[in-house]
Structures are given as C-alpha cells and as structure tokens.
Amino acid sequence: MIARGRAASNRPPAGLLPGARFRALTTALRRGAQLDRRRWRTWRQYWIRDPAIGALLFGLHHVTRALPVDWRSAIGSAGGVLFGRYLDHPGNARARRNYLRLSPTPVSEAEADAAMTRMWTGFGRLAAEWLIADRLWRAGRVEVVGLHHLAEARDAGRPHLMMGLHLANWEVFGMAMYELGFPGKYTYLPPPNRFLHRMFLRARKGWGKPLPPSFAGSREAWRTLVEERGALVIWVDDFIRGVGVTAPLFGRPALPRSNLSNIVRLTLASEAALLPFFVERLNRARFRLTILPEVQLARSGDSAADLAENTRRIDALITPIITARLEQWFLLPYLRLE
C-alpha cells in the first residue's frame, strides 16, 4: 500500500504538455529522493552513529574514571585544544571575535589567541569532568561561598529560584546542593544522543528532578514554586536552537520567551527568593561556587513595565560576571552579535 501510494503521488497530473509533464515528474522524483535521504540519515544516526558514539564515550568514561582527577582533567584539556583550535574553526573564530569585542579591558591579537587556548583547555576539562562531579566534591575541590543566602530563604519557608550561569563546570553546583542538603528541580536540555543523556541522568541521580524544555516542564516549574513552595534551578544564559544565546543581552533586545523572561515571570508570580549563583575554575580541577544575595525585583503592578525593568536588572547583574570570565563561559563560541 505504501509503494502504491508513493507511485501515485509521484505521477504527474494529466493534461499537461509533454515538457511540463517531464518537469513535474523530475520534481516528484527529486522530492522522493530527498525524503529517502532524510529517512536514511535519521535511521543511520539513530541505529549506527548514536550507539557508536555512546559506546565510545561510555568506555572512555569508565576506563578513565579510575584515574586521578587531575589526570582525567588534563586529558580533557588536551582534547579541548585539539578540537577547538584545529577542528572547530567557525566556533573558534566566533569566540575570538566575541572575546575581542566583550573583553572589559583592551586586548591585543596575541592576547586573544592565548585566551582562546585557555578557553578550549577549560572546555576540554569540562567535558572530562562532567560525569565525575561526585569525585570533585569528595576530594574537597569545591569551595562554597554565600551558602547562608540559600539557607535563609529555606529556613524562612520561602520558595527559591536558583539562577545559574554556564561558567567553568556548573555541574559541581548540583552535586554541592545534593551533598549540602538542598535538593531541587532543575531545567535540563537533553543532548541529542540518547546514550549520553542516560549517562548524564545517572551521574545526576539524587540531585533532583530534571524538567524538560516543554510546556509540561514549564507547568511543573510553576507548580514547584507557587504550589509546592520548593526549589527550582534555571540557567539564565540559555541557548535556543535556531535562535542562539539569549542572555546576557549585550545591547540586543530581550526575547519575550527565554529563560531570562521566564525567570522574571516565575519569581514575580511565586514571591520566590531569586538567588543567582555561578561556578568559576580556580586552578585545574578546583572550583569556587558563589551564591549571591537575593535579587530585589520591581513590583509596581504594571506587568509589562515590571518585566522590562527586572529583565534590565538581571542583565546588568550577570553581564559583568560573564565578561570578567569570558574564557570560562561555555556559550562564547555560540554567541552571535553580528
């Protein structure tokens, strides 16, 4: 039935001139070939590419997990430089342009090149450390600053929205919260490889419940703060496929639907304590997690004005944090300012 249906759909309509019938036939055949290629690419990725990559990453993870933390991190740093400087040419060029444009102090071309090497070194370390945050914490490689801001909100019975940034190795935040007794729900964009997705969820077991970037996830985020009076973690500098990096704004207009605007709406609706945090790499595989004081939002009663003003306040807060640590910002190669 499928073959007959396709044959019928590829048949040119009657009544056309021979030349028009020929063009209609070739167009139909071309569309059918394109559809077959898309199906083949989908099948190949799902059944061949993803399992192969998943098996490779699974094997590398378990083989290198027994290595000392510094060794595994160093292996990742070498791989990061190889990928960024010699393979990902568009990403490296874009990151370099962004670094020159956003650096808080003037930098030379040579300094920008050195910064790109340090950036890709850090990204490689991040990839190697992603699944061993538990080891980093147990080894005492994460210091926490400002935990009392979070404890005050919890002890007062207030819901709290933790607003994070994609700096250094942000995975250590979840492990720290789990070990310190502050579990919560967090937004999570699954990687396209289903095997890597399972590895991430296994590594984050016990940290809290992941919420997908969907309507159902948004509804549960709202219920977590408004009805359950619980804890929610959202990364404000999100990346939307087909749109790009949405925050910080760097002079661009704010999108009506992004993590930045959603954070403002959720905080105003729930009266939650909005607590920013970020992780920075101190040296090799050592980190500092900083939890900042609660952000005081404008509540004039005018929803549109409050959204605009609070978006401006949050953007003004996170921009200098990121520009002071551009080499550690994961989204620098993906930010499009042109």
Protein backbone atom coordinates (compact mmCIF):
# COMPACT_ATOMS: atom_id res chain seq x y z
CA MET A 1 0.00 0.00 0.00
CA ILE A 2 2.86 2.39 0.77
CA ALA A 3 4.58 1.71 -2.56
CA ARG A 4 1.38 2.20 -4.50
CA GLY A 5 0.69 5.43 -2.58
CA ARG A 6 4.13 6.79 -3.37
CA ALA A 7 3.87 5.82 -7.02
CA ALA A 8 0.52 7.55 -7.26
CA SER A 9 1.87 10.67 -5.58
CA ASN A 10 4.82 10.80 -7.99
CA ARG A 11 2.64 10.54 -11.08
CA PRO A 12 2.36 13.94 -12.84
CA PRO A 13 -1.16 15.29 -13.30
CA ALA A 14 -2.92 14.57 -16.55
CA GLY A 15 -3.48 17.26 -19.16
CA LEU A 16 -0.01 18.79 -19.02
CA LEU A 17 2.14 19.37 -22.05
CA PRO A 18 5.00 16.86 -22.51
CA GLY A 19 7.63 19.33 -21.30
CA ALA A 20 5.57 20.28 -18.26
CA ARG A 21 4.85 16.59 -17.52
CA PHE A 22 8.57 15.85 -17.67
CA ARG A 23 9.40 18.70 -15.28
CA ALA A 24 6.62 17.61 -12.91
CA LEU A 25 7.92 14.03 -12.98
CA THR A 26 11.53 15.05 -12.27
CA THR A 27 10.37 17.32 -9.43
CA ALA A 28 8.38 14.48 -7.88
CA LEU A 29 11.29 12.07 -8.20
CA ARG A 30 13.69 14.63 -6.68
CA ARG A 31 11.39 15.17 -3.71
CA GLY A 32 11.09 11.44 -3.20
CA ALA A 33 14.87 11.07 -3.27
CA GLN A 34 15.28 13.88 -0.74
CA LEU A 35 12.73 12.21 1.55
CA ASP A 36 14.59 8.91 1.26
CA ARG A 37 17.88 10.61 2.11
CA ARG A 38 16.36 12.23 5.20
CA ARG A 39 14.96 8.89 6.33
CA TRP A 40 18.32 7.24 5.74
CA ARG A 41 20.16 9.93 7.71
CA THR A 42 17.68 9.59 10.59
CA TRP A 43 17.98 5.79 10.60
CA ARG A 44 21.76 5.95 10.35
CA GLN A 45 22.06 8.42 13.24
CA TYR A 46 19.65 6.51 15.50
CA TRP A 47 20.92 2.99 14.87
CA ILE A 48 24.60 3.47 13.91
CA ARG A 49 26.09 6.84 14.84
CA ASP A 50 24.46 7.37 18.25
CA PRO A 51 25.19 3.81 19.55
CA ALA A 52 28.80 4.03 18.31
CA ILE A 53 29.41 7.41 19.96
CA GLY A 54 27.58 6.27 23.09
CA ALA A 55 29.70 3.13 23.36
CA LEU A 56 32.90 5.13 22.85
CA LEU A 57 32.01 7.72 25.50
CA PHE A 58 30.77 5.05 27.91
CA GLY A 59 34.03 3.14 27.53
CA LEU A 60 36.22 6.23 27.88
CA HIS A 61 34.32 7.36 30.95
CA HIS A 62 34.65 4.07 32.80
CA VAL A 63 38.25 3.49 31.75
CA THR A 64 39.38 6.95 32.87
CA ARG A 65 37.15 7.23 35.94
CA ALA A 66 39.73 5.33 38.00
CA LEU A 67 42.45 7.82 37.06
CA PRO A 68 43.37 10.62 39.47
CA VAL A 69 41.10 13.62 38.98
CA ASP A 70 43.93 15.83 37.74
CA TRP A 71 44.97 13.24 35.16
CA ARG A 72 41.49 12.91 33.72
CA SER A 73 41.06 16.67 33.66
CA ALA A 74 44.43 17.10 31.92
CA ILE A 75 43.48 14.55 29.25
CA GLY A 76 40.34 16.55 28.61
CA SER A 77 42.29 19.79 28.35
CA ALA A 78 44.46 18.36 25.55
CA GLY A 79 41.38 17.14 23.69
CA GLY A 80 39.70 20.52 24.09
CA VAL A 81 42.59 22.39 22.50
CA LEU A 82 42.74 19.90 19.63
CA PHE A 83 39.03 20.25 18.94
CA GLY A 84 38.73 23.99 19.35
CA ARG A 85 41.89 25.23 17.67
CA TYR A 86 42.24 22.68 14.89
CA LEU A 87 38.77 21.22 14.22
CA ASP A 88 36.06 23.73 15.20
CA HIS A 89 37.28 26.63 13.06
CA PRO A 90 33.95 28.56 12.87
CA GLY A 91 33.39 28.27 16.63
CA ASN A 92 36.94 29.33 17.41
CA ALA A 93 36.76 32.32 15.06
CA ARG A 94 33.43 33.44 16.52
CA ALA A 95 34.67 33.04 20.10
CA ARG A 96 37.75 35.10 19.26
CA ARG A 97 35.66 37.92 17.76
CA ASN A 98 33.38 37.89 20.79
CA TYR A 99 36.33 37.93 23.16
CA LEU A 100 37.88 40.95 21.46
CA ARG A 101 34.54 42.76 21.45
CA LEU A 102 33.36 41.92 25.00
CA SER A 103 36.58 41.95 27.00
CA PRO A 104 36.29 44.60 29.75
CA THR A 105 39.87 45.72 29.01
CA PRO A 106 41.54 46.19 25.61
CA VAL A 107 43.43 43.11 24.45
CA SER A 108 45.92 42.56 21.64
CA GLU A 109 45.64 39.94 18.93
CA ALA A 110 48.28 37.81 20.65
CA GLU A 111 46.42 38.05 23.96
CA ALA A 112 43.21 36.98 22.24
CA ASP A 113 44.94 33.93 20.75
CA ALA A 114 46.28 32.97 24.18
CA ALA A 115 42.81 33.43 25.67
CA MET A 116 41.32 31.08 23.06
CA THR A 117 43.85 28.41 24.00
CA ARG A 118 42.91 28.77 27.66
CA MET A 119 39.21 28.71 26.77
CA TRP A 120 39.40 25.46 24.79
CA THR A 121 41.60 23.97 27.51
CA GLY A 122 38.85 24.72 30.03
CA PHE A 123 36.14 23.34 27.75
CA GLY A 124 38.09 20.11 27.36
CA ARG A 125 38.46 19.87 31.12
CA LEU A 126 34.71 20.44 31.45
CA ALA A 127 33.97 17.56 29.08
CA ALA A 128 36.27 15.27 31.08
CA GLU A 129 34.88 16.38 34.47
CA TRP A 130 31.21 16.43 33.53
CA LEU A 131 30.45 12.96 34.86
CA ILE A 132 32.75 12.98 37.91
CA ALA A 133 31.34 15.89 39.89
CA ASP A 134 30.88 13.49 42.81
CA ARG A 135 34.63 12.83 42.89
CA LEU A 136 35.40 16.54 42.70
CA TRP A 137 33.21 17.19 45.73
CA ARG A 138 34.52 14.27 47.80
CA ALA A 139 38.10 15.33 47.06
CA GLY A 140 37.43 18.77 48.52
CA ARG A 141 37.92 20.55 45.24
CA VAL A 142 34.81 22.75 45.50
CA GLU A 143 34.61 25.64 47.92
CA VAL A 144 31.22 27.25 48.55
CA VAL A 145 30.72 30.95 49.23
CA GLY A 146 27.40 32.54 50.24
CA LEU A 147 25.53 29.40 51.27
CA HIS A 148 23.84 31.39 54.03
CA HIS A 149 21.77 33.26 51.42
CA LEU A 150 20.18 29.98 50.38
CA ALA A 151 19.81 28.74 53.97
CA GLU A 152 17.99 31.93 54.99
CA ALA A 153 15.42 31.54 52.21
CA ARG A 154 14.83 27.88 53.04
CA ASP A 155 14.59 28.44 56.79
CA ALA A 156 12.07 31.23 56.19
CA GLY A 157 9.89 28.78 54.26
CA ARG A 158 10.18 30.76 51.03
CA PRO A 159 10.43 29.10 47.64
CA HIS A 160 13.73 29.85 45.98
CA LEU A 161 14.71 30.09 42.35
CA MET A 162 18.41 29.48 41.79
CA MET A 163 19.60 31.38 38.70
CA GLY A 164 22.79 29.90 37.27
CA LEU A 165 25.33 30.67 34.54
CA HIS A 166 27.15 28.29 32.20
CA LEU A 167 30.58 29.07 33.60
CA ALA A 168 33.51 26.70 34.26
CA ASN A 169 31.98 23.37 35.38
CA TRP A 170 28.45 24.21 36.50
CA GLU A 171 27.80 20.52 37.21
CA VAL A 172 29.52 20.86 40.57
CA PHE A 173 26.61 23.05 41.71
CA GLY A 174 24.16 20.15 41.59
CA MET A 175 26.50 17.85 43.50
CA ALA A 176 27.16 20.55 46.11
CA MET A 177 23.44 21.14 46.64
CA TYR A 178 22.82 17.41 46.95
CA GLU A 179 25.63 16.91 49.47
CA LEU A 180 24.68 20.01 51.49
CA GLY A 181 21.01 19.04 51.73
CA PHE A 182 19.45 21.46 49.23
CA PRO A 183 17.92 19.26 46.50
CA GLY A 184 15.55 20.74 43.96
CA LYS A 185 14.23 20.52 40.42
CA TYR A 186 16.24 21.86 37.51
CA THR A 187 15.67 22.66 33.85
CA TYR A 188 17.55 20.36 31.53
CA LEU A 189 18.02 20.26 27.76
CA PRO A 190 18.79 16.62 26.88
CA PRO A 191 21.68 16.06 24.48
CA PRO A 192 20.68 14.65 21.08
CA ASN A 193 22.50 11.37 21.79
CA ARG A 194 20.16 9.23 23.93
CA PHE A 195 23.06 7.24 25.40
CA LEU A 196 24.85 10.36 26.59
CA HIS A 197 21.52 11.54 28.01
CA ARG A 198 21.30 8.37 30.13
CA MET A 199 24.88 8.85 31.34
CA PHE A 200 24.07 12.40 32.44
CA LEU A 201 20.94 11.35 34.30
CA ARG A 202 22.83 8.53 36.04
CA ALA A 203 25.57 10.95 37.12
CA ARG A 204 22.93 13.38 38.46
CA LYS A 205 20.96 10.73 40.33
CA GLY A 206 19.71 12.16 43.60
CA TRP A 207 20.34 15.78 42.67
CA GLY A 208 16.69 16.49 41.93
CA LYS A 209 14.16 16.10 39.15
CA PRO A 210 15.07 17.29 35.63
CA LEU A 211 12.42 19.36 33.85
CA PRO A 212 12.35 19.22 30.04
CA PRO A 213 12.13 22.39 27.91
CA SER A 214 8.44 21.87 27.13
CA PHE A 215 5.02 23.11 28.18
CA ALA A 216 4.79 20.30 30.73
CA GLY A 217 8.19 21.27 32.14
CA SER A 218 7.13 24.91 32.40
CA ARG A 219 3.94 23.94 34.19
CA GLU A 220 5.85 21.84 36.72
CA ALA A 221 8.33 24.66 37.28
CA TRP A 222 5.41 26.95 38.08
CA ARG A 223 3.86 24.38 40.45
CA THR A 224 7.21 23.82 42.17
CA LEU A 225 7.46 27.46 43.18
CA VAL A 226 3.84 28.55 43.52
CA GLU A 227 2.14 25.44 44.92
CA GLU A 228 4.92 23.34 46.46
CA ARG A 229 6.98 26.32 47.69
CA GLY A 230 10.07 24.39 46.69
CA ALA A 231 13.39 24.95 44.94
CA LEU A 232 13.99 25.36 41.22
CA VAL A 233 17.24 25.81 39.27
CA ILE A 234 17.27 27.61 35.90
CA TRP A 235 20.30 28.62 33.83
CA VAL A 236 19.60 32.16 32.66
CA ASP A 237 22.11 32.21 29.78
CA ASP A 238 20.25 29.66 27.72
CA PHE A 239 20.79 28.57 24.13
CA ILE A 240 17.74 28.06 21.91
CA ARG A 241 18.18 26.05 18.73
CA GLY A 242 17.55 28.26 15.73
CA VAL A 243 17.73 31.41 17.88
CA GLY A 244 21.08 31.32 19.65
CA VAL A 245 22.30 32.60 23.01
CA THR A 246 19.57 34.70 24.62
CA ALA A 247 21.40 36.20 27.63
CA PRO A 248 23.23 38.32 28.52
CA LEU A 249 21.74 40.76 26.05
CA PHE A 250 24.89 42.73 25.11
CA GLY A 251 22.72 45.51 23.73
CA ARG A 252 20.26 43.24 21.94
CA PRO A 253 16.51 43.33 22.63
CA ALA A 254 15.22 40.78 25.12
CA LEU A 255 13.18 37.92 23.72
CA PRO A 256 9.61 37.58 25.03
CA ARG A 257 10.17 33.87 25.64
CA SER A 258 13.53 32.87 27.07
CA ASN A 259 14.92 31.74 30.40
CA LEU A 260 15.61 35.37 31.28
CA SER A 261 11.99 36.45 30.87
CA ASN A 262 10.67 33.20 32.35
CA ILE A 263 12.75 33.74 35.49
CA VAL A 264 11.21 37.18 35.96
CA ARG A 265 7.67 35.89 35.49
CA LEU A 266 8.14 32.89 37.81
CA THR A 267 9.73 34.98 40.56
CA LEU A 268 7.00 37.63 40.46
CA ALA A 269 4.22 35.02 40.43
CA SER A 270 5.61 32.97 43.31
CA GLU A 271 7.23 35.60 45.57
CA ALA A 272 10.28 33.33 45.49
CA ALA A 273 13.74 34.37 46.56
CA LEU A 274 15.76 34.87 43.36
CA LEU A 275 19.31 33.74 44.15
CA PRO A 276 22.00 34.00 41.45
CA PHE A 277 24.97 31.63 41.52
CA PHE A 278 27.98 30.81 39.39
CA VAL A 279 30.94 28.45 39.39
CA GLU A 280 34.46 29.55 38.45
CA ARG A 281 37.55 27.47 37.87
CA LEU A 282 40.36 28.45 40.25
CA ASN A 283 43.15 26.20 39.04
CA ARG A 284 42.97 22.99 37.03
CA ALA A 285 40.22 20.89 38.65
CA ARG A 286 39.46 23.20 41.58
CA PHE A 287 36.39 25.42 41.75
CA ARG A 288 34.57 28.08 43.71
CA LEU A 289 30.76 28.10 43.87
CA THR A 290 29.41 31.55 44.73
CA ILE A 291 25.79 32.14 45.76
CA LEU A 292 24.90 35.84 45.60
CA PRO A 293 22.35 37.73 47.73
CA GLU A 294 18.72 37.76 46.67
CA VAL A 295 17.88 39.95 43.70
CA GLN A 296 15.27 42.54 44.62
CA LEU A 297 12.74 42.84 41.79
CA ALA A 298 10.48 45.77 40.93
CA ARG A 299 6.82 45.14 41.76
CA SER A 300 4.87 48.19 40.60
CA GLY A 301 1.79 46.30 39.50
CA ASP A 302 2.34 47.09 35.83
CA SER A 303 3.28 43.66 34.46
CA ALA A 304 4.84 44.93 31.23
CA ALA A 305 6.88 47.61 33.00
CA ASP A 306 7.97 45.20 35.72
CA LEU A 307 9.07 42.63 33.13
CA ALA A 308 11.17 45.20 31.28
CA GLU A 309 12.73 46.68 34.41
CA ASN A 310 13.51 43.35 36.04
CA THR A 311 14.96 41.99 32.81
CA ARG A 312 17.27 45.02 32.76
CA ARG A 313 18.28 44.46 36.40
CA ILE A 314 19.14 40.81 35.89
CA ASP A 315 21.02 41.53 32.68
CA ALA A 316 23.01 44.25 34.45
CA LEU A 317 23.88 41.74 37.18
CA ILE A 318 25.01 38.80 35.05
CA THR A 319 26.83 40.72 32.29
CA PRO A 320 29.90 41.77 34.33
CA ILE A 321 30.12 38.32 35.93
CA ILE A 322 30.45 36.75 32.49
CA THR A 323 32.63 39.40 30.84
CA ALA A 324 35.11 39.08 33.71
CA ARG A 325 35.32 35.33 32.98
CA LEU A 326 34.88 35.12 29.21
CA GLU A 327 37.42 32.31 28.91
CA GLN A 328 35.26 30.14 31.18
CA TRP A 329 31.91 30.89 29.52
CA PHE A 330 30.71 27.83 27.64
CA LEU A 331 28.48 29.82 25.26
CA LEU A 332 31.11 32.25 23.96
CA PRO A 333 31.65 30.28 20.68
CA TYR A 334 27.88 30.22 20.06
CA LEU A 335 27.08 33.87 20.73
CA ARG A 336 26.14 35.76 17.55
CA LEU A 337 26.38 39.53 17.86
CA GLU A 338 26.65 40.35 14.15
